[in-house]
């Protein structure tokens, strides 16, 4: 108990003293720095049993944001009910996770902060962010992403950064190939949209290429195609320019994805399973997961989830937030690798409907932002939101995006917060301006 009190006290003190700029840097650095050891280092905490260092850092940042929200007067008047489905989903998930925690299962704690952290970040940015600082924040995100990329390169020069996984050598940087793929995919979309909306291709084209190259090197098919779909979604729904130019760019992006599959050997090996025999030779223990190598075993995982969830009342309310990582791992040897199936397993049909409705509502906000954008910054922010939502929603079909609450979840809501801040004059209700499409 004393350890908890000290932790809370330290977080409260730092929350009142730390500057806004420094705290922004901490949040973004934490988001883009998926160091593997943070999840492996365990700390014994009363009541909650053993928690990872990542959980403790998340808890610290969470409490600092809460303190700052309580201490600072809001710069803006934005209706928080605009994203009401997100709050309902968080409430339903929090109840589910709390019940899991009450059974003495620490995975419930993980799911609780994974669900809550992006929304407390949204609340923090809505209340504490000044509109004139949005562009500076965009630059800060790119700078920190570039810094992480340089750190990955340095690690590569030292002989690290690569990992044999699922039949191919994959670039992992300082974290995992999946985390790195989606983080760099996010940065690729940000640079691409800025280049298309404000120009300055001499700056944003090379930066986007640096980030896109790292996406390819991870050989994470979900991340690669989700990034491509994010770029396509911006061209289709995030612009109001020449139709001819958009068709040409969309064609170029589609051809780029096809070329990556056909001519980029590591990706081609993953898609067409040409290295199946190598998996069998290198690690016979993975044979069960690799029964359908072209899906990296996902078909087996998804079939297990469907069979288990359809048995009884669990179809309605699920087995509890956090339980998939126990049950699926114990029975099959992996995690669901599909956020829709995972939410269905843990929170039932109710949770799945809320999760999908949440994404649809965020999409409506981003689309309305595109239609009513009257400045290059507003257009940029709304366009990035379009790309990030598609990146998240399409990635969720093959990966667990709620687990990526740092690299994806907070940015999903940060850019929605920026859209809402730019949408609404300080004395006008946001509800009067948004029309959902």
Protein backbone atom coordinates (compact mmCIF):
# COMPACT_ATOMS: atom_id res chain seq x y z
CA UNK A 1 0.00 0.00 0.00
CA UNK A 2 2.87 2.37 0.79
CA UNK A 3 4.30 1.77 -2.68
CA UNK A 4 0.97 2.73 -4.27
CA UNK A 5 0.74 5.90 -2.17
CA UNK A 6 4.30 6.90 -3.11
CA UNK A 7 3.62 6.24 -6.78
CA UNK A 8 0.46 8.32 -6.71
CA UNK A 9 2.19 11.11 -4.83
CA UNK A 10 5.08 11.24 -7.30
CA UNK A 11 2.69 11.30 -10.27
CA UNK A 12 0.65 14.12 -8.68
CA UNK A 13 3.80 16.14 -7.99
CA UNK A 14 5.14 15.69 -11.51
CA UNK A 15 1.74 16.51 -12.94
CA UNK A 16 1.76 19.89 -11.28
CA UNK A 17 5.38 20.73 -12.13
CA UNK A 18 6.19 19.31 -15.55
CA UNK A 19 5.86 21.68 -18.49
CA UNK A 20 3.40 21.15 -21.32
CA UNK A 21 6.11 20.84 -23.98
CA UNK A 22 8.13 18.31 -22.00
CA UNK A 23 5.06 16.24 -21.26
CA UNK A 24 4.08 16.16 -24.93
CA UNK A 25 7.56 14.87 -25.71
CA UNK A 26 7.22 12.15 -23.05
CA UNK A 27 3.86 10.99 -24.43
CA UNK A 28 5.07 10.81 -28.03
CA UNK A 29 8.42 9.23 -27.13
CA UNK A 30 6.56 6.57 -25.13
CA UNK A 31 4.26 5.97 -28.10
CA UNK A 32 7.04 5.50 -30.66
CA UNK A 33 9.53 3.64 -28.47
CA UNK A 34 8.19 0.07 -28.12
CA UNK A 35 11.25 -1.26 -26.27
CA UNK A 36 10.85 -5.00 -25.74
CA UNK A 37 12.28 -5.01 -22.22
CA UNK A 38 9.53 -2.72 -20.90
CA UNK A 39 6.99 -5.51 -21.26
CA UNK A 40 9.36 -8.17 -19.85
CA UNK A 41 10.53 -6.39 -16.68
CA UNK A 42 8.12 -7.21 -13.86
CA UNK A 43 7.48 -5.17 -10.72
CA UNK A 44 5.62 -6.56 -7.71
CA UNK A 45 2.76 -4.24 -6.73
CA UNK A 46 0.35 -4.92 -3.83
CA UNK A 47 -3.21 -5.82 -4.88
CA UNK A 48 -2.32 -5.97 -8.59
CA UNK A 49 0.37 -8.68 -8.26
CA UNK A 50 3.23 -8.45 -10.78
CA UNK A 51 2.94 -5.61 -13.30
CA UNK A 52 5.21 -4.84 -16.22
CA UNK A 53 7.34 -1.71 -16.41
CA UNK A 54 5.23 -0.66 -19.40
CA UNK A 55 2.09 -0.80 -17.24
CA UNK A 56 3.70 1.38 -14.55
CA UNK A 57 4.88 3.99 -17.08
CA UNK A 58 1.39 4.02 -18.60
CA UNK A 59 -0.12 4.49 -15.16
CA UNK A 60 2.27 7.36 -14.40
CA UNK A 61 1.45 9.20 -17.65
CA UNK A 62 -2.25 8.53 -17.10
CA UNK A 63 -2.19 10.09 -13.64
CA UNK A 64 -0.15 13.09 -14.83
CA UNK A 65 -2.77 13.75 -17.52
CA UNK A 66 -5.57 13.47 -14.95
CA UNK A 67 -3.81 15.97 -12.69
CA UNK A 68 -3.23 18.42 -15.51
CA UNK A 69 -6.84 18.13 -16.64
CA UNK A 70 -8.02 18.96 -13.11
CA UNK A 71 -5.55 21.80 -12.55
CA UNK A 72 -5.79 23.65 -15.85
CA UNK A 73 -8.74 25.56 -17.19
CA UNK A 74 -9.89 24.36 -20.57
CA UNK A 75 -8.64 26.39 -23.52
CA UNK A 76 -11.58 25.16 -25.58
CA UNK A 77 -15.25 24.36 -25.30
CA UNK A 78 -15.75 21.14 -27.24
CA UNK A 79 -18.68 18.85 -26.56
CA UNK A 80 -17.16 15.62 -25.25
CA UNK A 81 -20.44 13.85 -26.04
CA UNK A 82 -19.44 14.09 -29.71
CA UNK A 83 -17.62 10.77 -29.27
CA UNK A 84 -20.19 9.31 -26.88
CA UNK A 85 -19.94 5.80 -28.35
CA UNK A 86 -16.24 5.71 -27.40
CA UNK A 87 -17.13 6.56 -23.81
CA UNK A 88 -19.82 3.86 -23.73
CA UNK A 89 -17.37 1.30 -25.15
CA UNK A 90 -14.80 2.31 -22.54
CA UNK A 91 -17.39 1.97 -19.76
CA UNK A 92 -18.50 -1.47 -20.94
CA UNK A 93 -14.90 -2.62 -21.33
CA UNK A 94 -13.93 -1.21 -17.91
CA UNK A 95 -16.72 -3.16 -16.20
CA UNK A 96 -15.63 -6.32 -18.02
CA UNK A 97 -11.95 -5.77 -17.14
CA UNK A 98 -12.79 -5.00 -13.49
CA UNK A 99 -14.63 -8.32 -13.17
CA UNK A 100 -11.57 -10.09 -14.58
CA UNK A 101 -9.32 -8.24 -12.09
CA UNK A 102 -11.68 -9.25 -9.26
CA UNK A 103 -11.02 -12.89 -10.21
CA UNK A 104 -7.32 -12.26 -9.58
CA UNK A 105 -6.31 -12.23 -13.26
CA UNK A 106 -3.78 -9.42 -14.02
CA UNK A 107 -4.61 -9.43 -17.75
CA UNK A 108 -7.68 -7.42 -16.79
CA UNK A 109 -5.36 -4.59 -15.70
CA UNK A 110 -3.69 -4.61 -19.11
CA UNK A 111 -6.99 -4.31 -20.93
CA UNK A 112 -8.21 -1.60 -18.58
CA UNK A 113 -5.33 0.76 -19.33
CA UNK A 114 -5.25 -0.18 -23.02
CA UNK A 115 -8.87 0.92 -23.32
CA UNK A 116 -8.64 3.99 -21.07
CA UNK A 117 -5.26 5.47 -22.05
CA UNK A 118 -6.26 6.66 -25.57
CA UNK A 119 -9.41 8.35 -24.25
CA UNK A 120 -7.70 10.10 -21.34
CA UNK A 121 -5.16 11.31 -23.92
CA UNK A 122 -8.04 12.62 -26.04
CA UNK A 123 -9.49 14.41 -23.01
CA UNK A 124 -6.10 15.88 -22.13
CA UNK A 125 -5.51 17.25 -25.63
CA UNK A 126 -9.05 18.64 -25.87
CA UNK A 127 -8.69 20.52 -22.58
CA UNK A 128 -5.02 21.52 -22.52
CA UNK A 129 -4.09 21.96 -26.19
CA UNK A 130 -4.17 25.41 -27.80
CA UNK A 131 -5.22 25.53 -31.43
CA UNK A 132 -2.11 27.47 -32.40
CA UNK A 133 0.06 24.62 -31.06
CA UNK A 134 -1.43 21.92 -33.29
CA UNK A 135 1.03 22.43 -36.15
CA UNK A 136 3.96 22.43 -33.71
CA UNK A 137 2.67 19.15 -32.32
CA UNK A 138 2.55 17.63 -35.82
CA UNK A 139 6.19 18.62 -36.32
CA UNK A 140 7.08 17.17 -32.92
CA UNK A 141 5.49 13.82 -33.83
CA UNK A 142 7.55 13.64 -37.04
CA UNK A 143 10.77 14.67 -35.27
CA UNK A 144 10.37 12.03 -32.56
CA UNK A 145 9.50 9.43 -35.19
CA UNK A 146 12.67 10.35 -37.09
CA UNK A 147 14.65 10.07 -33.86
CA UNK A 148 13.29 6.56 -33.27
CA UNK A 149 14.15 5.68 -36.87
CA UNK A 150 17.75 6.82 -36.33
CA UNK A 151 17.88 4.76 -33.14
CA UNK A 152 16.66 1.75 -35.14
CA UNK A 153 19.40 2.39 -37.72
CA UNK A 154 22.03 2.64 -34.99
CA UNK A 155 20.80 -0.64 -33.51
CA UNK A 156 21.00 -2.16 -36.99
CA UNK A 157 24.61 -1.01 -37.41
CA UNK A 158 25.43 -2.69 -34.09
CA UNK A 159 24.14 -5.99 -35.46
CA UNK A 160 20.66 -5.94 -33.88
CA UNK A 161 17.20 -5.08 -35.09
CA UNK A 162 16.44 -8.30 -37.02
CA UNK A 163 14.42 -11.30 -35.91
CA UNK A 164 13.50 -14.59 -37.59
CA UNK A 165 9.72 -14.92 -37.41
CA UNK A 166 7.01 -16.74 -39.41
CA UNK A 167 9.38 -17.97 -42.06
CA UNK A 168 11.30 -14.80 -42.85
CA UNK A 169 13.91 -12.46 -41.38
CA UNK A 170 12.06 -9.35 -40.18
CA UNK A 171 13.16 -5.91 -39.06
CA UNK A 172 12.02 -5.25 -35.49
CA UNK A 173 14.00 -2.14 -34.57
CA UNK A 174 13.73 -1.64 -30.81
CA UNK A 175 10.41 -3.42 -30.43
CA UNK A 176 8.36 -5.93 -32.40
CA UNK A 177 7.88 -6.02 -36.20
CA UNK A 178 4.14 -5.40 -35.82
CA UNK A 179 4.52 -2.39 -33.50
CA UNK A 180 7.20 -0.93 -35.73
CA UNK A 181 5.16 -1.48 -38.90
CA UNK A 182 2.11 0.40 -37.63
CA UNK A 183 4.13 3.19 -36.00
CA UNK A 184 6.05 3.81 -39.19
CA UNK A 185 2.85 3.42 -41.20
CA UNK A 186 1.29 6.20 -39.15
CA UNK A 187 4.29 8.45 -39.77
CA UNK A 188 4.21 7.62 -43.49
CA UNK A 189 0.57 8.75 -43.66
CA UNK A 190 1.31 11.95 -41.75
CA UNK A 191 4.17 12.88 -44.09
CA UNK A 192 2.21 11.94 -47.21
CA UNK A 193 -0.84 13.97 -46.22
CA UNK A 194 1.28 17.00 -45.31
CA UNK A 195 3.07 16.77 -48.64
CA UNK A 196 -0.26 16.59 -50.49
CA UNK A 197 -1.93 19.42 -48.56
CA UNK A 198 0.82 21.96 -47.89
CA UNK A 199 3.48 20.95 -50.42
CA UNK A 200 7.14 21.03 -49.34
CA UNK A 201 7.78 17.67 -50.99
CA UNK A 202 11.55 18.26 -50.59
CA UNK A 203 11.03 17.71 -46.85
CA UNK A 204 8.10 15.32 -46.56
CA UNK A 205 8.87 12.99 -49.49
CA UNK A 206 12.28 11.86 -48.08
CA UNK A 207 10.86 11.58 -44.57
CA UNK A 208 7.90 9.57 -45.82
CA UNK A 209 10.28 7.29 -47.74
CA UNK A 210 12.34 6.66 -44.59
CA UNK A 211 9.25 5.64 -42.66
CA UNK A 212 7.72 3.62 -45.52
CA UNK A 213 10.97 1.66 -45.98
CA UNK A 214 10.82 0.55 -42.35
CA UNK A 215 7.23 -0.59 -42.85
CA UNK A 216 8.39 -2.80 -45.73
CA UNK A 217 11.39 -4.17 -43.83
CA UNK A 218 9.16 -5.50 -41.07
CA UNK A 219 7.48 -7.75 -43.67
CA UNK A 220 4.29 -7.31 -41.63
CA UNK A 221 1.66 -7.80 -44.31
CA UNK A 222 -1.14 -6.33 -42.23
CA UNK A 223 0.87 -3.18 -41.52
CA UNK A 224 2.00 -2.81 -45.13
CA UNK A 225 -1.46 -3.14 -46.64
CA UNK A 226 -3.15 -1.11 -43.89
CA UNK A 227 -0.68 1.72 -44.59
CA UNK A 228 -1.42 1.49 -48.29
CA UNK A 229 -5.16 1.54 -47.60
CA UNK A 230 -4.67 4.56 -45.34
CA UNK A 231 -2.99 6.45 -48.17
CA UNK A 232 -5.71 5.38 -50.60
CA UNK A 233 -8.43 6.48 -48.20
CA UNK A 234 -6.91 9.95 -48.03
CA UNK A 235 -6.92 10.22 -51.82
CA UNK A 236 -10.50 8.93 -52.03
CA UNK A 237 -12.09 10.72 -49.07
CA UNK A 238 -9.64 13.31 -47.80
CA UNK A 239 -9.30 15.60 -50.82
CA UNK A 240 -11.45 17.86 -52.93
CA UNK A 241 -9.00 18.31 -55.78
CA UNK A 242 -8.78 17.20 -59.42
CA UNK A 243 -10.41 13.84 -60.13
CA UNK A 244 -7.80 13.05 -62.79
CA UNK A 245 -4.92 13.67 -60.40
CA UNK A 246 -6.57 11.53 -57.75
CA UNK A 247 -7.11 8.65 -60.16
CA UNK A 248 -3.46 8.77 -61.20
CA UNK A 249 -2.24 8.81 -57.61
CA UNK A 250 -4.58 6.02 -56.57
CA UNK A 251 -3.37 3.95 -59.54
CA UNK A 252 0.22 4.60 -58.51
CA UNK A 253 -0.46 3.50 -54.94
CA UNK A 254 -2.25 0.33 -56.07
CA UNK A 255 0.58 -0.52 -58.45
CA UNK A 256 3.03 0.10 -55.63
CA UNK A 257 1.26 -2.43 -53.41
CA UNK A 258 1.11 -4.98 -56.22
CA UNK A 259 4.79 -4.44 -57.04
CA UNK A 260 5.73 -4.88 -53.39
CA UNK A 261 3.97 -8.26 -53.33
CA UNK A 262 5.41 -9.47 -56.64
CA UNK A 263 8.98 -8.14 -56.51
CA UNK A 264 9.86 -7.60 -52.83
CA UNK A 265 11.14 -11.09 -52.01
CA UNK A 266 10.51 -11.17 -48.22
CA UNK A 267 6.94 -9.99 -48.72
CA UNK A 268 6.39 -12.31 -51.67
CA UNK A 269 7.64 -15.21 -49.54
CA UNK A 270 5.13 -14.29 -46.81
CA UNK A 271 2.18 -13.88 -49.15
CA UNK A 272 2.76 -16.94 -51.31
CA UNK A 273 4.26 -19.10 -48.55
CA UNK A 274 7.35 -20.03 -50.56
CA UNK A 275 9.36 -20.51 -47.35
CA UNK A 276 7.00 -22.89 -45.57
CA UNK A 277 9.60 -25.66 -45.45
CA UNK A 278 12.06 -23.31 -43.72
CA UNK A 279 9.61 -22.73 -40.89
CA UNK A 280 9.17 -26.47 -40.48
CA UNK A 281 12.94 -27.00 -40.32
CA UNK A 282 13.90 -24.09 -38.08
CA UNK A 283 11.24 -24.47 -35.40
CA UNK A 284 9.13 -27.65 -35.41
CA UNK A 285 7.25 -26.38 -32.32
CA UNK A 286 5.43 -23.84 -34.49
CA UNK A 287 3.84 -26.46 -36.74
CA UNK A 288 0.39 -26.10 -35.18
CA UNK A 289 0.32 -22.35 -35.77
CA UNK A 290 1.76 -22.74 -39.25
CA UNK A 291 -0.81 -25.22 -40.57
CA UNK A 292 -1.98 -22.53 -42.98
CA UNK A 293 1.19 -20.53 -43.37
CA UNK A 294 -0.28 -18.04 -45.80
CA UNK A 295 -2.36 -16.77 -42.85
CA UNK A 296 0.43 -17.21 -40.27
CA UNK A 297 -1.87 -19.58 -38.40
CA UNK A 298 -4.61 -16.98 -38.03
CA UNK A 299 -7.27 -19.29 -39.47
CA UNK A 300 -6.72 -21.72 -36.60
CA UNK A 301 -6.87 -18.93 -34.03
CA UNK A 302 -10.07 -17.44 -35.45
CA UNK A 303 -11.78 -20.83 -35.67
CA UNK A 304 -11.05 -21.43 -31.99
CA UNK A 305 -12.55 -18.06 -31.02
CA UNK A 306 -15.72 -18.65 -33.06
CA UNK A 307 -16.24 -22.14 -31.61
CA UNK A 308 -15.74 -21.00 -28.01
CA UNK A 309 -17.78 -17.81 -28.13
CA UNK A 310 -20.85 -19.42 -29.66
CA UNK A 311 -21.42 -21.94 -26.89
CA UNK A 312 -23.62 -20.08 -24.39
CA UNK A 313 -24.34 -16.65 -22.91
CA UNK A 314 -20.73 -15.64 -23.66
CA UNK A 315 -21.94 -14.75 -27.14
CA UNK A 316 -23.69 -11.73 -25.59
CA UNK A 317 -21.21 -10.50 -22.96
CA UNK A 318 -18.00 -12.40 -23.70
CA UNK A 319 -15.54 -14.07 -21.37
CA UNK A 320 -14.16 -10.83 -19.91
CA UNK A 321 -11.68 -8.20 -21.12
CA UNK A 322 -8.21 -9.73 -21.11
CA UNK A 323 -9.28 -13.38 -21.21
CA UNK A 324 -8.41 -13.96 -24.88
CA UNK A 325 -4.72 -13.60 -24.12
CA UNK A 326 -5.07 -16.40 -21.57
CA UNK A 327 -7.48 -18.80 -23.23
CA UNK A 328 -6.26 -18.58 -26.82
CA UNK A 329 -2.61 -18.63 -25.78
CA UNK A 330 -3.16 -21.67 -23.54
CA UNK A 331 -5.13 -23.67 -26.10
CA UNK A 332 -3.57 -22.64 -29.42
CA UNK A 333 -0.31 -20.87 -28.63
CA UNK A 334 -0.99 -17.35 -29.89
CA UNK A 335 -3.26 -14.34 -29.54
CA UNK A 336 -6.35 -13.84 -31.75
CA UNK A 337 -4.62 -11.53 -34.29
CA UNK A 338 -7.97 -9.98 -35.15
CA UNK A 339 -9.40 -7.22 -32.98
CA UNK A 340 -12.97 -7.84 -34.04
CA UNK A 341 -12.75 -11.51 -33.04
CA UNK A 342 -10.92 -10.63 -29.84
CA UNK A 343 -13.56 -8.06 -28.82
CA UNK A 344 -16.28 -10.61 -29.66
CA UNK A 345 -14.55 -13.22 -27.46
CA UNK A 346 -13.93 -10.88 -24.53
CA UNK A 347 -16.98 -8.56 -24.64
CA UNK A 348 -19.46 -10.46 -26.75
CA UNK A 349 -21.79 -9.13 -29.42
CA UNK A 350 -22.49 -6.03 -27.31
CA UNK A 351 -18.81 -5.09 -27.20
CA UNK A 352 -18.29 -5.83 -30.90
CA UNK A 353 -21.22 -3.64 -31.96
CA UNK A 354 -19.94 -0.80 -29.76
CA UNK A 355 -16.40 -1.20 -31.16
CA UNK A 356 -17.57 -1.01 -34.79
CA UNK A 357 -19.98 1.85 -34.04
CA UNK A 358 -17.13 3.74 -32.34
CA UNK A 359 -14.99 3.56 -35.48
CA UNK A 360 -17.93 4.62 -37.67
CA UNK A 361 -18.57 7.64 -35.44
CA UNK A 362 -14.92 8.71 -35.57
CA UNK A 363 -15.01 8.30 -39.36
CA UNK A 364 -18.02 10.62 -39.52
CA UNK A 365 -16.15 13.31 -37.58
CA UNK A 366 -13.10 13.05 -39.85
CA UNK A 367 -15.23 13.18 -43.03
CA UNK A 368 -17.11 16.22 -41.77
CA UNK A 369 -13.76 17.84 -41.03
CA UNK A 370 -12.61 17.27 -44.61
CA UNK A 371 -15.81 18.77 -46.03
CA UNK A 372 -15.68 21.89 -43.88
CA UNK A 373 -11.90 22.46 -43.73
CA UNK A 374 -11.16 26.09 -44.53
CA UNK A 375 -7.40 26.22 -43.85
CA UNK A 376 -4.43 24.08 -44.97
CA UNK A 377 -3.87 22.99 -41.35
CA UNK A 378 -7.49 21.93 -40.91
CA UNK A 379 -7.36 20.05 -44.22
CA UNK A 380 -4.13 18.34 -43.17
CA UNK A 381 -5.46 17.27 -39.77
CA UNK A 382 -8.76 15.98 -41.19
CA UNK A 383 -6.91 14.12 -43.98
CA UNK A 384 -4.56 12.48 -41.48
CA UNK A 385 -7.57 11.43 -39.39
CA UNK A 386 -9.09 9.73 -42.43
CA UNK A 387 -5.88 7.78 -43.05
CA UNK A 388 -5.34 6.84 -39.40
CA UNK A 389 -8.89 5.53 -38.94
CA UNK A 390 -8.50 3.27 -41.99
CA UNK A 391 -5.03 2.20 -40.82
CA UNK A 392 -6.54 1.23 -37.46
CA UNK A 393 -9.73 -0.40 -38.78
CA UNK A 394 -8.03 -2.41 -41.53
CA UNK A 395 -5.11 -3.39 -39.29
CA UNK A 396 -7.65 -4.66 -36.76
CA UNK A 397 -8.66 -7.36 -39.25
CA UNK A 398 -5.33 -9.16 -38.80
CA UNK A 399 -3.80 -7.67 -35.64
CA UNK A 400 -4.81 -6.68 -32.12
CA UNK A 401 -4.93 -2.89 -32.37
CA UNK A 402 -6.21 -2.29 -28.83
CA UNK A 403 -2.87 -3.73 -27.68
CA UNK A 404 -1.22 -0.98 -29.74
CA UNK A 405 -2.79 1.69 -27.53
CA UNK A 406 0.48 3.67 -27.59
CA UNK A 407 1.41 3.53 -31.24
CA UNK A 408 -2.13 3.60 -32.67
CA UNK A 409 -4.86 4.14 -30.09
CA UNK A 410 -3.72 7.51 -28.78
CA UNK A 411 -3.10 8.89 -32.28
CA UNK A 412 -6.54 7.76 -33.41
CA UNK A 413 -7.98 10.06 -30.74
CA UNK A 414 -5.34 12.80 -30.83
CA UNK A 415 -6.14 13.59 -34.47
CA UNK A 416 -9.88 13.42 -33.79
CA UNK A 417 -9.24 15.91 -30.96
CA UNK A 418 -7.40 18.19 -33.40
CA UNK A 419 -10.31 18.00 -35.87
CA UNK A 420 -12.78 18.93 -33.14
CA UNK A 421 -10.60 21.80 -31.92
CA UNK A 422 -10.36 23.27 -35.42
CA UNK A 423 -14.01 22.55 -36.15
CA UNK A 424 -15.57 24.67 -33.50
CA UNK A 425 -15.30 28.37 -32.58
CA UNK A 426 -14.67 28.69 -28.89
CA UNK A 427 -18.25 29.61 -28.00
CA UNK A 428 -20.12 27.37 -30.44
CA UNK A 429 -21.27 23.86 -29.68
CA UNK A 430 -19.53 21.23 -31.79
CA UNK A 431 -22.83 19.40 -32.21
CA UNK A 432 -24.20 22.21 -34.34
CA UNK A 433 -21.45 21.87 -36.93
CA UNK A 434 -20.92 18.18 -37.53
CA UNK A 435 -23.00 16.24 -40.01
CA UNK A 436 -22.16 12.55 -40.17
CA UNK A 437 -21.66 10.83 -43.50
